[in-house]
PDB file of N, CA and C in Angstrom:
ATOM      1  N   MET A   1    -158.766  59.354 103.605  1.00  0.00           N
ATOM      2  CA  MET A   1    -159.411  59.489 102.312  1.00  0.00           C
ATOM      3  C   MET A   1    -159.539  58.112 101.660  1.00  0.00           C
ATOM      4  N   SER A   2    -160.690  57.830 101.121  1.00  0.00           N
ATOM      5  CA  SER A   2    -160.954  56.536 100.492  1.00  0.00           C
ATOM      6  C   SER A   2    -160.296  56.452  99.125  1.00  0.00           C
ATOM      7  N   LYS A   3    -159.907  55.241  98.746  1.00  0.00           N
ATOM      8  CA  LYS A   3    -159.370  55.038  97.399  1.00  0.00           C
ATOM      9  C   LYS A   3    -160.488  54.844  96.385  1.00  0.00           C
ATOM     10  N   TYR A   4    -161.739  54.798  96.863  1.00  0.00           N
ATOM     11  CA  TYR A   4    -162.896  54.646  95.985  1.00  0.00           C
ATOM     12  C   TYR A   4    -163.658  55.961  95.895  1.00  0.00           C
ATOM     13  N   LYS A   5    -164.535  56.068  94.889  1.00  0.00           N
ATOM     14  CA  LYS A   5    -165.321  57.279  94.678  1.00  0.00           C
ATOM     15  C   LYS A   5    -166.809  56.946  94.686  1.00  0.00           C
ATOM     16  N   ILE A   6    -167.609  57.918  95.071  1.00  0.00           N
ATOM     17  CA  ILE A   6    -169.060  57.752  95.006  1.00  0.00           C
ATOM     18  C   ILE A   6    -169.449  57.491  93.555  1.00  0.00           C
ATOM     19  N   GLY A   7    -170.302  56.491  93.360  1.00  0.00           N
ATOM     20  CA  GLY A   7    -170.741  56.119  92.020  1.00  0.00           C
ATOM     21  C   GLY A   7    -169.918  55.012  91.389  1.00  0.00           C
ATOM     22  N   GLU A   8    -168.769  54.700  91.993  1.00  0.00           N
ATOM     23  CA  GLU A   8    -167.912  53.648  91.452  1.00  0.00           C
ATOM     24  C   GLU A   8    -168.545  52.274  91.680  1.00  0.00           C
ATOM     25  N   ILE A   9    -168.431  51.406  90.677  1.00  0.00           N
ATOM     26  CA  ILE A   9    -168.917  50.031  90.779  1.00  0.00           C
ATOM     27  C   ILE A   9    -167.757  49.166  91.268  1.00  0.00           C
ATOM     28  N   VAL A  10    -168.005  48.389  92.322  1.00  0.00           N
ATOM     29  CA  VAL A  10    -166.984  47.524  92.924  1.00  0.00           C
ATOM     30  C   VAL A  10    -167.572  46.129  93.121  1.00  0.00           C
ATOM     31  N   ILE A  11    -166.711  45.174  93.465  1.00  0.00           N
ATOM     32  CA  ILE A  11    -167.140  43.800  93.713  1.00  0.00           C
ATOM     33  C   ILE A  11    -166.981  43.486  95.195  1.00  0.00           C
ATOM     34  N   ILE A  12    -168.004  42.896  95.784  1.00  0.00           N
ATOM     35  CA  ILE A  12    -167.958  42.468  97.186  1.00  0.00           C
ATOM     36  C   ILE A  12    -167.059  41.238  97.294  1.00  0.00           C
ATOM     37  N   MET A  13    -166.049  41.308  98.174  1.00  0.00           N
ATOM     38  CA  MET A  13    -165.104  40.203  98.352  1.00  0.00           C
ATOM     39  C   MET A  13    -165.190  39.560  99.739  1.00  0.00           C
ATOM     40  N   LYS A  14    -165.724  40.289 100.733  1.00  0.00           N
ATOM     41  CA  LYS A  14    -165.798  39.803 102.115  1.00  0.00           C
ATOM     42  C   LYS A  14    -167.089  40.296 102.749  1.00  0.00           C
ATOM     43  N   ASN A  15    -167.402  39.743 103.913  1.00  0.00           N
ATOM     44  CA  ASN A  15    -168.538  40.239 104.692  1.00  0.00           C
ATOM     45  C   ASN A  15    -168.123  40.323 106.157  1.00  0.00           C
ATOM     46  N   LYS A  16    -167.615  41.483 106.550  1.00  0.00           N
ATOM     47  CA  LYS A  16    -167.205  41.729 107.936  1.00  0.00           C
ATOM     48  C   LYS A  16    -168.222  42.582 108.690  1.00  0.00           C
ATOM     49  N   THR A  17    -169.118  43.244 107.977  1.00  0.00           N
ATOM     50  CA  THR A  17    -170.046  44.196 108.598  1.00  0.00           C
ATOM     51  C   THR A  17    -171.492  43.717 108.564  1.00  0.00           C
ATOM     52  N   ASP A  18    -171.698  42.441 108.310  1.00  0.00           N
ATOM     53  CA  ASP A  18    -173.038  41.842 108.283  1.00  0.00           C
ATOM     54  C   ASP A  18    -173.964  42.455 107.233  1.00  0.00           C
ATOM     55  N   HIS A  19    -173.397  42.926 106.118  1.00  0.00           N
ATOM     56  CA  HIS A  19    -174.247  43.382 105.013  1.00  0.00           C
ATOM     57  C   HIS A  19    -174.908  42.152 104.386  1.00  0.00           C
ATOM     58  N   GLU A  20    -175.874  42.376 103.534  1.00  0.00           N
ATOM     59  CA  GLU A  20    -176.573  41.252 102.908  1.00  0.00           C
ATOM     60  C   GLU A  20    -176.286  41.134 101.416  1.00  0.00           C
ATOM     61  N   PHE A  21    -175.156  41.692 100.977  1.00  0.00           N
ATOM     62  CA  PHE A  21    -174.730  41.482  99.598  1.00  0.00           C
ATOM     63  C   PHE A  21    -174.133  40.084  99.475  1.00  0.00           C
ATOM     64  N   GLU A  22    -174.181  39.530  98.269  1.00  0.00           N
ATOM     65  CA  GLU A  22    -173.552  38.243  97.993  1.00  0.00           C
ATOM     66  C   GLU A  22    -172.069  38.469  97.691  1.00  0.00           C
ATOM     67  N   ILE A  23    -171.217  37.536  98.109  1.00  0.00           N
ATOM     68  CA  ILE A  23    -169.807  37.600  97.736  1.00  0.00           C
ATOM     69  C   ILE A  23    -169.742  37.485  96.213  1.00  0.00           C
ATOM     70  N   GLY A  24    -168.978  38.366  95.582  1.00  0.00           N
ATOM     71  CA  GLY A  24    -168.874  38.395  94.125  1.00  0.00           C
ATOM     72  C   GLY A  24    -169.859  39.334  93.452  1.00  0.00           C
ATOM     73  N   GLU A  25    -170.806  39.874  94.220  1.00  0.00           N
ATOM     74  CA  GLU A  25    -171.813  40.779  93.660  1.00  0.00           C
ATOM     75  C   GLU A  25    -171.197  42.143  93.339  1.00  0.00           C
ATOM     76  N   LYS A  26    -171.613  42.727  92.220  1.00  0.00           N
ATOM     77  CA  LYS A  26    -171.210  44.088  91.869  1.00  0.00           C
ATOM     78  C   LYS A  26    -172.186  45.053  92.523  1.00  0.00           C
ATOM     79  N   VAL A  27    -171.643  46.087  93.167  1.00  0.00           N
ATOM     80  CA  VAL A  27    -172.454  47.104  93.838  1.00  0.00           C
ATOM     81  C   VAL A  27    -171.899  48.483  93.514  1.00  0.00           C
ATOM     82  N   LYS A  28    -172.709  49.511  93.759  1.00  0.00           N
ATOM     83  CA  LYS A  28    -172.291  50.895  93.508  1.00  0.00           C
ATOM     84  C   LYS A  28    -172.116  51.616  94.832  1.00  0.00           C
ATOM     85  N   ILE A  29    -170.989  52.272  95.016  1.00  0.00           N
ATOM     86  CA  ILE A  29    -170.740  53.056  96.227  1.00  0.00           C
ATOM     87  C   ILE A  29    -171.652  54.279  96.208  1.00  0.00           C
ATOM     88  N   SER A  30    -172.425  54.455  97.288  1.00  0.00           N
ATOM     89  CA  SER A  30    -173.389  55.553  97.333  1.00  0.00           C
ATOM     90  C   SER A  30    -173.007  56.668  98.301  1.00  0.00           C
ATOM     91  N   SER A  31    -172.143  56.391  99.267  1.00  0.00           N
ATOM     92  CA  SER A  31    -171.628  57.442 100.154  1.00  0.00           C
ATOM     93  C   SER A  31    -170.338  56.962 100.796  1.00  0.00           C
ATOM     94  N   ILE A  32    -169.530  57.917 101.219  1.00  0.00           N
ATOM     95  CA  ILE A  32    -168.260  57.609 101.883  1.00  0.00           C
ATOM     96  C   ILE A  32    -168.219  58.399 103.182  1.00  0.00           C
ATOM     97  N   GLY A  33    -167.943  57.704 104.294  1.00  0.00           N
ATOM     98  CA  GLY A  33    -167.872  58.357 105.593  1.00  0.00           C
ATOM     99  C   GLY A  33    -166.680  59.289 105.702  1.00  0.00           C
ATOM    100  N   GLU A  34    -166.690  60.128 106.718  1.00  0.00           N
ATOM    101  CA  GLU A  34    -165.616  61.100 106.920  1.00  0.00           C
ATOM    102  C   GLU A  34    -164.256  60.447 107.086  1.00  0.00           C
ATOM    103  N   ASP A  35    -164.213  59.261 107.699  1.00  0.00           N
ATOM    104  CA  ASP A  35    -162.924  58.589 107.890  1.00  0.00           C
ATOM    105  C   ASP A  35    -162.444  57.904 106.614  1.00  0.00           C
ATOM    106  N   GLY A  36    -163.312  57.790 105.610  1.00  0.00           N
ATOM    107  CA  GLY A  36    -162.931  57.205 104.327  1.00  0.00           C
ATOM    108  C   GLY A  36    -162.931  55.694 104.303  1.00  0.00           C
ATOM    109  N   ASP A  37    -163.178  55.039 105.433  1.00  0.00           N
ATOM    110  CA  ASP A  37    -163.132  53.575 105.464  1.00  0.00           C
ATOM    111  C   ASP A  37    -164.520  52.945 105.399  1.00  0.00           C
ATOM    112  N   ILE A  38    -165.460  53.468 106.155  1.00  0.00           N
ATOM    113  CA  ILE A  38    -166.813  52.921 106.152  1.00  0.00           C
ATOM    114  C   ILE A  38    -167.660  53.735 105.179  1.00  0.00           C
ATOM    115  N   PHE A  39    -168.374  53.039 104.309  1.00  0.00           N
ATOM    116  CA  PHE A  39    -169.253  53.734 103.384  1.00  0.00           C
ATOM    117  C   PHE A  39    -170.467  52.876 103.097  1.00  0.00           C
ATOM    118  N   THR A  40    -171.407  53.429 102.342  1.00  0.00           N
ATOM    119  CA  THR A  40    -172.579  52.653 101.953  1.00  0.00           C
ATOM    120  C   THR A  40    -172.476  52.314 100.477  1.00  0.00           C
ATOM    121  N   ALA A  41    -173.071  51.182 100.144  1.00  0.00           N
ATOM    122  CA  ALA A  41    -173.135  50.747  98.754  1.00  0.00           C
ATOM    123  C   ALA A  41    -174.540  50.232  98.504  1.00  0.00           C
ATOM    124  N   GLU A  42    -174.937  50.279  97.244  1.00  0.00           N
ATOM    125  CA  GLU A  42    -176.268  49.812  96.887  1.00  0.00           C
ATOM    126  C   GLU A  42    -176.192  48.800  95.761  1.00  0.00           C
ATOM    127  N   LYS A  43    -177.204  47.931  95.724  1.00  0.00           N
ATOM    128  CA  LYS A  43    -177.313  46.998  94.607  1.00  0.00           C
ATOM    129  C   LYS A  43    -177.450  47.817  93.325  1.00  0.00           C
ATOM    130  N   LEU A  44    -177.048  47.247  92.205  1.00  0.00           N
ATOM    131  CA  LEU A  44    -177.088  47.987  90.952  1.00  0.00           C
ATOM    132  C   LEU A  44    -178.500  48.385  90.548  1.00  0.00           C
ATOM    133  N   ASP A  45    -179.511  47.658  91.018  1.00  0.00           N
ATOM    134  CA  ASP A  45    -180.891  48.051  90.721  1.00  0.00           C
ATOM    135  C   ASP A  45    -181.441  49.047  91.745  1.00  0.00           C
ATOM    136  N   GLY A  46    -180.615  49.403  92.754  1.00  0.00           N
ATOM    137  CA  GLY A  46    -180.994  50.404  93.745  1.00  0.00           C
ATOM    138  C   GLY A  46    -181.961  49.929  94.815  1.00  0.00           C
ATOM    139  N   CYS A  47    -182.277  48.625  94.845  1.00  0.00           N
ATOM    140  CA  CYS A  47    -183.316  48.152  95.770  1.00  0.00           C
ATOM    141  C   CYS A  47    -182.837  47.968  97.207  1.00  0.00           C
ATOM    142  N   GLU A  48    -181.530  47.845  97.441  1.00  0.00           N
ATOM    143  CA  GLU A  48    -181.006  47.672  98.801  1.00  0.00           C
ATOM    144  C   GLU A  48    -179.718  48.465  98.961  1.00  0.00           C
ATOM    145  N   GLU A  49    -179.484  48.939 100.194  1.00  0.00           N
ATOM    146  CA  GLU A  49    -178.258  49.672 100.513  1.00  0.00           C
ATOM    147  C   GLU A  49    -177.755  49.189 101.865  1.00  0.00           C
ATOM    148  N   TRP A  50    -176.444  48.970 101.969  1.00  0.00           N
ATOM    149  CA  TRP A  50    -175.840  48.466 103.207  1.00  0.00           C
ATOM    150  C   TRP A  50    -174.541  49.206 103.487  1.00  0.00           C
ATOM    151  N   CYS A  51    -174.182  49.284 104.771  1.00  0.00           N
ATOM    152  CA  CYS A  51    -172.874  49.809 105.160  1.00  0.00           C
ATOM    153  C   CYS A  51    -171.832  48.721 104.928  1.00  0.00           C
ATOM    154  N   ILE A  52    -170.713  49.116 104.369  1.00  0.00           N
ATOM    155  CA  ILE A  52    -169.602  48.193 104.143  1.00  0.00           C
ATOM    156  C   ILE A  52    -168.307  48.917 104.476  1.00  0.00           C
ATOM    157  N   SER A  53    -167.240  48.151 104.654  1.00  0.00           N
ATOM    158  CA  SER A  53    -165.934  48.767 104.876  1.00  0.00           C
ATOM    159  C   SER A  53    -165.096  48.620 103.612  1.00  0.00           C
ATOM    160  N   GLU A  54    -164.125  49.491 103.491  1.00  0.00           N
ATOM    161  CA  GLU A  54    -163.292  49.541 102.297  1.00  0.00           C
ATOM    162  C   GLU A  54    -162.609  48.207 102.004  1.00  0.00           C
ATOM    163  N   ASP A  55    -162.231  47.463 103.037  1.00  0.00           N
ATOM    164  CA  ASP A  55    -161.514  46.206 102.800  1.00  0.00           C
ATOM    165  C   ASP A  55    -162.431  45.037 102.438  1.00  0.00           C
ATOM    166  N   GLU A  56    -163.727  45.292 102.280  1.00  0.00           N
ATOM    167  CA  GLU A  56    -164.661  44.246 101.852  1.00  0.00           C
ATOM    168  C   GLU A  56    -164.874  44.236 100.341  1.00  0.00           C
ATOM    169  N   VAL A  57    -164.321  45.203  99.640  1.00  0.00           N
ATOM    170  CA  VAL A  57    -164.560  45.328  98.199  1.00  0.00           C
ATOM    171  C   VAL A  57    -163.249  45.428  97.427  1.00  0.00           C
ATOM    172  N   THR A  58    -163.360  45.237  96.131  1.00  0.00           N
ATOM    173  CA  THR A  58    -162.223  45.430  95.241  1.00  0.00           C
ATOM    174  C   THR A  58    -162.724  46.059  93.949  1.00  0.00           C
ATOM    175  N   ARG A  59    -161.827  46.705  93.244  1.00  0.00           N
ATOM    176  CA  ARG A  59    -162.181  47.296  91.954  1.00  0.00           C
ATOM    177  C   ARG A  59    -162.408  46.201  90.917  1.00  0.00           C
ATOM    178  N   ILE A  60    -163.202  46.527  89.930  1.00  0.00           N
ATOM    179  CA  ILE A  60    -163.421  45.623  88.805  1.00  0.00           C
ATOM    180  C   ILE A  60    -162.214  45.746  87.886  1.00  0.00           C
ATOM    181  N   ALA A  61    -161.613  44.612  87.536  1.00  0.00           N
ATOM    182  CA  ALA A  61    -160.455  44.620  86.634  1.00  0.00           C
ATOM    183  C   ALA A  61    -160.900  45.093  85.254  1.00  0.00           C
ATOM    184  N   GLU A  62    -160.083  45.944  84.666  1.00  0.00           N
ATOM    185  CA  GLU A  62    -160.428  46.468  83.334  1.00  0.00           C
ATOM    186  C   GLU A  62    -159.739  45.696  82.250  1.00  0.00           C
TER     187      GLU A  62
END
């Protein structure tokens, strides 16, 4: 089970899966795979979506 939720905004911290997000970019989680580790995220404007792994992102500090 993933520690993140669909719709959650997170920050890209790494690039292990060859996504095209920028490091430090805020993205929205759009789906979570059955294993809970690999999921898709999209740019906040919705123009691009890439597969990422859970260890490539972090929560936004409140």
